[in-house]
PDB file of N, CA and C in Angstrom:
ATOM      1  N   UNK A   1      69.892-180.051  40.925  1.00  0.00           N
ATOM      2  CA  UNK A   1      71.228-179.825  41.280  1.00  0.00           C
ATOM      3  C   UNK A   1      71.833-179.089  39.976  1.00  0.00           C
ATOM      4  N   UNK A   2      70.398-178.080  39.265  1.00  0.00           N
ATOM      5  CA  UNK A   2      71.687-177.009  37.649  1.00  0.00           C
ATOM      6  C   UNK A   2      71.089-175.485  38.417  1.00  0.00           C
ATOM      7  N   UNK A   3      70.632-175.807  39.501  1.00  0.00           N
ATOM      8  CA  UNK A   3      69.726-174.341  40.335  1.00  0.00           C
ATOM      9  C   UNK A   3      71.159-173.525  40.905  1.00  0.00           C
ATOM     10  N   UNK A   4      71.185-172.550  40.174  1.00  0.00           N
ATOM     11  CA  UNK A   4      71.929-171.252  40.915  1.00  0.00           C
ATOM     12  C   UNK A   4      72.089-171.448  42.620  1.00  0.00           C
ATOM     13  N   UNK A   5      70.896-171.875  43.495  1.00  0.00           N
ATOM     14  CA  UNK A   5      71.111-171.981  44.886  1.00  0.00           C
ATOM     15  C   UNK A   5      71.057-173.164  45.389  1.00  0.00           C
ATOM     16  N   UNK A   6      71.387-174.128  44.406  1.00  0.00           N
ATOM     17  CA  UNK A   6      71.986-175.364  44.752  1.00  0.00           C
ATOM     18  C   UNK A   6      74.087-174.936  44.674  1.00  0.00           C
ATOM     19  N   UNK A   7      74.312-174.495  43.546  1.00  0.00           N
ATOM     20  CA  UNK A   7      75.860-173.735  43.239  1.00  0.00           C
ATOM     21  C   UNK A   7      76.367-172.999  44.551  1.00  0.00           C
ATOM     22  N   UNK A   8      75.132-172.035  44.947  1.00  0.00           N
ATOM     23  CA  UNK A   8      75.363-171.422  46.701  1.00  0.00           C
ATOM     24  C   UNK A   8      76.130-171.304  47.543  1.00  0.00           C
ATOM     25  N   UNK A   9      74.806-172.799  48.237  1.00  0.00           N
ATOM     26  CA  UNK A   9      74.831-173.638  49.185  1.00  0.00           C
ATOM     27  C   UNK A   9      75.883-174.548  49.174  1.00  0.00           C
ATOM     28  N   UNK A  10      76.309-174.791  47.174  1.00  0.00           N
ATOM     29  CA  UNK A  10      77.077-175.646  47.897  1.00  0.00           C
ATOM     30  C   UNK A  10      78.558-175.491  48.456  1.00  0.00           C
ATOM     31  N   UNK A  11      78.693-173.913  47.675  1.00  0.00           N
ATOM     32  CA  UNK A  11      79.614-172.763  47.764  1.00  0.00           C
ATOM     33  C   UNK A  11      80.785-172.726  49.042  1.00  0.00           C
ATOM     34  N   UNK A  12      79.038-172.116  50.074  1.00  0.00           N
ATOM     35  CA  UNK A  12      78.907-172.230  51.125  1.00  0.00           C
ATOM     36  C   UNK A  12      78.821-172.874  51.811  1.00  0.00           C
ATOM     37  N   UNK A  13      79.044-174.314  51.212  1.00  0.00           N
ATOM     38  CA  UNK A  13      78.974-175.224  52.667  1.00  0.00           C
ATOM     39  C   UNK A  13      80.711-175.935  53.058  1.00  0.00           C
ATOM     40  N   UNK A  14      80.798-175.550  51.855  1.00  0.00           N
ATOM     41  CA  UNK A  14      82.789-176.131  51.095  1.00  0.00           C
ATOM     42  C   UNK A  14      83.084-175.022  51.936  1.00  0.00           C
ATOM     43  N   UNK A  15      82.759-173.354  52.583  1.00  0.00           N
ATOM     44  CA  UNK A  15      83.474-172.412  53.336  1.00  0.00           C
ATOM     45  C   UNK A  15      84.057-173.283  54.841  1.00  0.00           C
ATOM     46  N   UNK A  16      82.260-173.029  55.660  1.00  0.00           N
ATOM     47  CA  UNK A  16      82.833-174.117  56.695  1.00  0.00           C
ATOM     48  C   UNK A  16      83.020-174.483  56.884  1.00  0.00           C
ATOM     49  N   UNK A  17      83.334-175.621  55.991  1.00  0.00           N
ATOM     50  CA  UNK A  17      83.817-177.020  56.621  1.00  0.00           C
ATOM     51  C   UNK A  17      85.684-176.512  56.400  1.00  0.00           C
ATOM     52  N   UNK A  18      86.052-175.827  55.717  1.00  0.00           N
ATOM     53  CA  UNK A  18      87.407-175.268  55.136  1.00  0.00           C
ATOM     54  C   UNK A  18      87.429-174.877  56.733  1.00  0.00           C
ATOM     55  N   UNK A  19      86.331-173.787  57.308  1.00  0.00           N
ATOM     56  CA  UNK A  19      86.588-172.878  58.325  1.00  0.00           C
ATOM     57  C   UNK A  19      86.874-174.400  59.396  1.00  0.00           C
ATOM     58  N   UNK A  20      85.451-174.494  59.572  1.00  0.00           N
ATOM     59  CA  UNK A  20      85.607-175.782  60.779  1.00  0.00           C
ATOM     60  C   UNK A  20      86.929-176.810  60.557  1.00  0.00           C
ATOM     61  N   UNK A  21      87.352-177.006  59.606  1.00  0.00           N
ATOM     62  CA  UNK A  21      88.615-178.433  59.909  1.00  0.00           C
ATOM     63  C   UNK A  21      90.122-177.318  60.088  1.00  0.00           C
ATOM     64  N   UNK A  22      90.383-176.121  59.481  1.00  0.00           N
ATOM     65  CA  UNK A  22      91.026-175.790  58.438  1.00  0.00           C
ATOM     66  C   UNK A  22      91.223-174.555  60.613  1.00  0.00           C
ATOM     67  N   UNK A  23      90.792-173.428  59.709  1.00  0.00           N
ATOM     68  CA  UNK A  23      90.792-172.081  60.886  1.00  0.00           C
ATOM     69  C   UNK A  23      90.917-172.394  62.051  1.00  0.00           C
ATOM     70  N   UNK A  24      89.547-172.935  62.049  1.00  0.00           N
ATOM     71  CA  UNK A  24      89.062-173.328  63.823  1.00  0.00           C
ATOM     72  C   UNK A  24      90.141-174.524  64.830  1.00  0.00           C
ATOM     73  N   UNK A  25      90.607-175.725  64.004  1.00  0.00           N
ATOM     74  CA  UNK A  25      91.051-176.290  63.798  1.00  0.00           C
ATOM     75  C   UNK A  25      92.555-175.380  64.812  1.00  0.00           C
ATOM     76  N   UNK A  26      92.878-174.890  63.617  1.00  0.00           N
ATOM     77  CA  UNK A  26      94.181-174.382  64.083  1.00  0.00           C
ATOM     78  C   UNK A  26      94.391-173.726  65.453  1.00  0.00           C
ATOM     79  N   UNK A  27      94.104-172.817  65.302  1.00  0.00           N
ATOM     80  CA  UNK A  27      92.830-171.668  66.748  1.00  0.00           C
ATOM     81  C   UNK A  27      93.106-172.539  68.009  1.00  0.00           C
ATOM     82  N   UNK A  28      92.488-173.922  67.812  1.00  0.00           N
ATOM     83  CA  UNK A  28      92.755-174.913  68.780  1.00  0.00           C
ATOM     84  C   UNK A  28      93.873-175.577  69.397  1.00  0.00           C
ATOM     85  N   UNK A  29      94.655-175.704  68.504  1.00  0.00           N
ATOM     86  CA  UNK A  29      96.547-176.182  69.044  1.00  0.00           C
ATOM     87  C   UNK A  29      96.882-175.000  69.394  1.00  0.00           C
ATOM     88  N   UNK A  30      96.676-173.345  69.280  1.00  0.00           N
ATOM     89  CA  UNK A  30      97.359-172.337  69.374  1.00  0.00           C
ATOM     90  C   UNK A  30      97.109-172.668  70.983  1.00  0.00           C
ATOM     91  N   UNK A  31      95.712-172.347  71.086  1.00  0.00           N
ATOM     92  CA  UNK A  31      95.544-171.962  72.576  1.00  0.00           C
ATOM     93  C   UNK A  31      95.261-173.206  73.363  1.00  0.00           C
ATOM     94  N   UNK A  32      95.349-174.305  73.202  1.00  0.00           N
ATOM     95  CA  UNK A  32      96.520-175.681  73.536  1.00  0.00           C
ATOM     96  C   UNK A  32      98.068-175.183  73.959  1.00  0.00           C
ATOM     97  N   UNK A  33      98.284-174.618  73.126  1.00  0.00           N
ATOM     98  CA  UNK A  33      99.873-174.337  73.768  1.00  0.00           C
ATOM     99  C   UNK A  33     100.181-173.776  74.187  1.00  0.00           C
ATOM    100  N   UNK A  34      99.521-171.981  73.683  1.00  0.00           N
ATOM    101  CA  UNK A  34      99.891-171.401  74.796  1.00  0.00           C
ATOM    102  C   UNK A  34      99.550-171.342  76.469  1.00  0.00           C
ATOM    103  N   UNK A  35      97.554-172.600  76.518  1.00  0.00           N
ATOM    104  CA  UNK A  35      97.758-172.401  78.366  1.00  0.00           C
ATOM    105  C   UNK A  35      98.616-173.571  78.986  1.00  0.00           C
ATOM    106  N   UNK A  36      99.550-174.385  77.788  1.00  0.00           N
ATOM    107  CA  UNK A  36     101.007-174.592  77.990  1.00  0.00           C
ATOM    108  C   UNK A  36     101.346-173.790  78.682  1.00  0.00           C
ATOM    109  N   UNK A  37     101.962-172.887  77.962  1.00  0.00           N
ATOM    110  CA  UNK A  37     103.299-171.882  78.284  1.00  0.00           C
ATOM    111  C   UNK A  37     102.725-170.851  79.384  1.00  0.00           C
ATOM    112  N   UNK A  38     101.867-171.269  79.399  1.00  0.00           N
ATOM    113  CA  UNK A  38     101.023-170.083  80.741  1.00  0.00           C
ATOM    114  C   UNK A  38     101.268-171.131  81.868  1.00  0.00           C
ATOM    115  N   UNK A  39     101.139-172.419  81.645  1.00  0.00           N
ATOM    116  CA  UNK A  39     101.232-172.905  83.162  1.00  0.00           C
ATOM    117  C   UNK A  39     102.367-173.818  83.967  1.00  0.00           C
ATOM    118  N   UNK A  40     103.874-173.272  82.659  1.00  0.00           N
ATOM    119  CA  UNK A  40     105.114-173.816  82.665  1.00  0.00           C
ATOM    120  C   UNK A  40     105.572-172.473  83.792  1.00  0.00           C
ATOM    121  N   UNK A  41     105.700-173.324  84.942  1.00  0.00           N
ATOM    122  CA  UNK A  41     106.062-172.620  86.209  1.00  0.00           C
ATOM    123  C   UNK A  41     107.554-171.416  86.562  1.00  0.00           C
ATOM    124  N   UNK A  42     108.308-170.082  86.599  1.00  0.00           N
ATOM    125  CA  UNK A  42     109.055-169.189  85.349  1.00  0.00           C
ATOM    126  C   UNK A  42     109.494-169.203  84.367  1.00  0.00           C
ATOM    127  N   UNK A  43     108.160-169.497  83.618  1.00  0.00           N
ATOM    128  CA  UNK A  43     108.546-168.901  82.480  1.00  0.00           C
ATOM    129  C   UNK A  43     107.529-167.905  81.915  1.00  0.00           C
ATOM    130  N   UNK A  44     106.196-167.503  83.164  1.00  0.00           N
ATOM    131  CA  UNK A  44     105.510-165.569  82.581  1.00  0.00           C
ATOM    132  C   UNK A  44     105.196-165.251  84.046  1.00  0.00           C
ATOM    133  N   UNK A  45     105.958-164.364  84.532  1.00  0.00           N
ATOM    134  CA  UNK A  45     105.410-163.667  85.840  1.00  0.00           C
ATOM    135  C   UNK A  45     104.032-163.153  86.210  1.00  0.00           C
ATOM    136  N   UNK A  46     102.892-163.034  84.864  1.00  0.00           N
ATOM    137  CA  UNK A  46     101.953-162.770  85.022  1.00  0.00           C
ATOM    138  C   UNK A  46     100.645-164.178  85.183  1.00  0.00           C
ATOM    139  N   UNK A  47      99.884-163.335  86.089  1.00  0.00           N
ATOM    140  CA  UNK A  47      98.769-164.784  86.187  1.00  0.00           C
ATOM    141  C   UNK A  47      97.873-164.447  84.835  1.00  0.00           C
ATOM    142  N   UNK A  48      97.235-166.065  85.724  1.00  0.00           N
ATOM    143  CA  UNK A  48      95.864-165.341  84.329  1.00  0.00           C
ATOM    144  C   UNK A  48      95.113-166.065  84.694  1.00  0.00           C
ATOM    145  N   UNK A  49      93.945-165.676  85.113  1.00  0.00           N
ATOM    146  CA  UNK A  49      92.550-166.305  85.691  1.00  0.00           C
ATOM    147  C   UNK A  49      91.820-167.541  85.349  1.00  0.00           C
ATOM    148  N   UNK A  50      92.100-167.710  83.337  1.00  0.00           N
ATOM    149  CA  UNK A  50      91.020-168.595  83.085  1.00  0.00           C
ATOM    150  C   UNK A  50      91.875-169.353  82.385  1.00  0.00           C
ATOM    151  N   UNK A  51      91.482-170.133  81.029  1.00  0.00           N
ATOM    152  CA  UNK A  51      92.330-170.630  80.394  1.00  0.00           C
ATOM    153  C   UNK A  51      91.679-170.502  78.808  1.00  0.00           C
ATOM    154  N   UNK A  52      92.335-170.209  77.539  1.00  0.00           N
ATOM    155  CA  UNK A  52      92.053-170.575  76.460  1.00  0.00           C
ATOM    156  C   UNK A  52      91.219-171.927  75.608  1.00  0.00           C
ATOM    157  N   UNK A  53      89.920-172.009  75.448  1.00  0.00           N
ATOM    158  CA  UNK A  53      89.497-172.806  75.343  1.00  0.00           C
ATOM    159  C   UNK A  53      89.699-173.438  74.352  1.00  0.00           C
ATOM    160  N   UNK A  54      90.639-174.737  73.897  1.00  0.00           N
ATOM    161  CA  UNK A  54      91.345-175.397  73.219  1.00  0.00           C
ATOM    162  C   UNK A  54      90.597-176.550  71.915  1.00  0.00           C
ATOM    163  N   UNK A  55      88.836-176.826  72.416  1.00  0.00           N
ATOM    164  CA  UNK A  55      88.091-177.100  71.619  1.00  0.00           C
ATOM    165  C   UNK A  55      87.578-176.008  70.676  1.00  0.00           C
ATOM    166  N   UNK A  56      88.255-175.789  69.403  1.00  0.00           N
ATOM    167  CA  UNK A  56      87.447-174.715  68.806  1.00  0.00           C
ATOM    168  C   UNK A  56      87.468-175.890  67.311  1.00  0.00           C
ATOM    169  N   UNK A  57      88.170-176.613  66.783  1.00  0.00           N
ATOM    170  CA  UNK A  57      87.473-177.366  64.784  1.00  0.00           C
ATOM    171  C   UNK A  57      87.314-178.711  65.378  1.00  0.00           C
ATOM    172  N   UNK A  58      86.990-179.191  64.168  1.00  0.00           N
ATOM    173  CA  UNK A  58      86.686-180.844  63.870  1.00  0.00           C
ATOM    174  C   UNK A  58      87.753-180.910  63.111  1.00  0.00           C
ATOM    175  N   UNK A  59      88.151-182.694  63.615  1.00  0.00           N
ATOM    176  CA  UNK A  59      89.222-183.524  62.567  1.00  0.00           C
ATOM    177  C   UNK A  59      88.541-183.681  61.518  1.00  0.00           C
ATOM    178  N   UNK A  60      89.598-183.638  60.519  1.00  0.00           N
ATOM    179  CA  UNK A  60      88.936-183.795  58.789  1.00  0.00           C
ATOM    180  C   UNK A  60      87.572-184.630  58.937  1.00  0.00           C
ATOM    181  N   UNK A  61      88.007-185.776  59.908  1.00  0.00           N
ATOM    182  CA  UNK A  61      86.842-186.969  59.841  1.00  0.00           C
ATOM    183  C   UNK A  61      85.709-186.529  60.641  1.00  0.00           C
ATOM    184  N   UNK A  62      85.542-186.134  61.247  1.00  0.00           N
ATOM    185  CA  UNK A  62      84.491-185.107  61.739  1.00  0.00           C
ATOM    186  C   UNK A  62      83.636-184.295  60.482  1.00  0.00           C
ATOM    187  N   UNK A  63      84.887-183.669  59.959  1.00  0.00           N
ATOM    188  CA  UNK A  63      84.378-182.900  58.741  1.00  0.00           C
ATOM    189  C   UNK A  63      83.313-183.659  58.148  1.00  0.00           C
ATOM    190  N   UNK A  64      84.129-184.861  57.513  1.00  0.00           N
ATOM    191  CA  UNK A  64      83.717-185.639  56.394  1.00  0.00           C
ATOM    192  C   UNK A  64      81.660-186.248  56.685  1.00  0.00           C
ATOM    193  N   UNK A  65      82.223-187.133  57.967  1.00  0.00           N
ATOM    194  CA  UNK A  65      80.880-187.671  58.016  1.00  0.00           C
ATOM    195  C   UNK A  65      79.900-186.660  58.536  1.00  0.00           C
ATOM    196  N   UNK A  66      80.036-185.173  58.953  1.00  0.00           N
ATOM    197  CA  UNK A  66      79.152-184.295  58.813  1.00  0.00           C
ATOM    198  C   UNK A  66      78.589-183.518  57.371  1.00  0.00           C
ATOM    199  N   UNK A  67      79.418-183.926  56.267  1.00  0.00           N
ATOM    200  CA  UNK A  67      78.999-184.253  55.373  1.00  0.00           C
ATOM    201  C   UNK A  67      78.146-184.766  54.723  1.00  0.00           C
ATOM    202  N   UNK A  68      78.087-186.160  54.972  1.00  0.00           N
ATOM    203  CA  UNK A  68      77.924-187.056  54.604  1.00  0.00           C
ATOM    204  C   UNK A  68      75.897-186.558  54.741  1.00  0.00           C
ATOM    205  N   UNK A  69      76.442-186.799  56.961  1.00  0.00           N
ATOM    206  CA  UNK A  69      75.295-186.348  57.210  1.00  0.00           C
ATOM    207  C   UNK A  69      74.141-185.315  56.775  1.00  0.00           C
ATOM    208  N   UNK A  70      74.794-184.582  55.995  1.00  0.00           N
ATOM    209  CA  UNK A  70      73.927-183.120  54.715  1.00  0.00           C
ATOM    210  C   UNK A  70      72.631-184.146  54.524  1.00  0.00           C
ATOM    211  N   UNK A  71      74.043-184.980  53.382  1.00  0.00           N
ATOM    212  CA  UNK A  71      73.518-185.130  51.890  1.00  0.00           C
ATOM    213  C   UNK A  71      72.789-186.106  52.097  1.00  0.00           C
ATOM    214  N   UNK A  72      73.217-187.031  52.860  1.00  0.00           N
ATOM    215  CA  UNK A  72      72.056-187.973  53.505  1.00  0.00           C
ATOM    216  C   UNK A  72      70.564-186.991  54.344  1.00  0.00           C
ATOM    217  N   UNK A  73      71.058-186.226  55.034  1.00  0.00           N
ATOM    218  CA  UNK A  73      68.984-185.770  54.942  1.00  0.00           C
ATOM    219  C   UNK A  73      68.534-185.195  54.866  1.00  0.00           C
ATOM    220  N   UNK A  74      68.771-184.098  53.330  1.00  0.00           N
ATOM    221  CA  UNK A  74      69.488-183.379  52.031  1.00  0.00           C
ATOM    222  C   UNK A  74      68.206-184.549  51.131  1.00  0.00           C
ATOM    223  N   UNK A  75      68.862-185.494  51.009  1.00  0.00           N
ATOM    224  CA  UNK A  75      68.143-186.399  50.016  1.00  0.00           C
ATOM    225  C   UNK A  75      66.554-187.067  50.820  1.00  0.00           C
ATOM    226  N   UNK A  76      66.694-187.264  52.129  1.00  0.00           N
ATOM    227  CA  UNK A  76      65.994-187.800  52.236  1.00  0.00           C
ATOM    228  C   UNK A  76      64.499-187.241  52.716  1.00  0.00           C
ATOM    229  N   UNK A  77      64.492-186.117  53.175  1.00  0.00           N
ATOM    230  CA  UNK A  77      63.813-184.650  52.967  1.00  0.00           C
ATOM    231  C   UNK A  77      63.375-183.977  52.169  1.00  0.00           C
TER     232      UNK A  77
END
């Protein structure tokens, strides 16, 4: 735990968890809202051939459980 590679891995893990929980989750919520706006009759005059992907991020509970599983697997291996 006192090596530089551990510190680097620790920082990268938190960046990935922040991205999965924060940024991607927010993008998924925006996609859901845009899909609702597109489906509203009379609101837009444009035709959309496909919907935006709404399931992009993870909930904080999913990120926490993933972190715990990662630590357990790292200790076992």
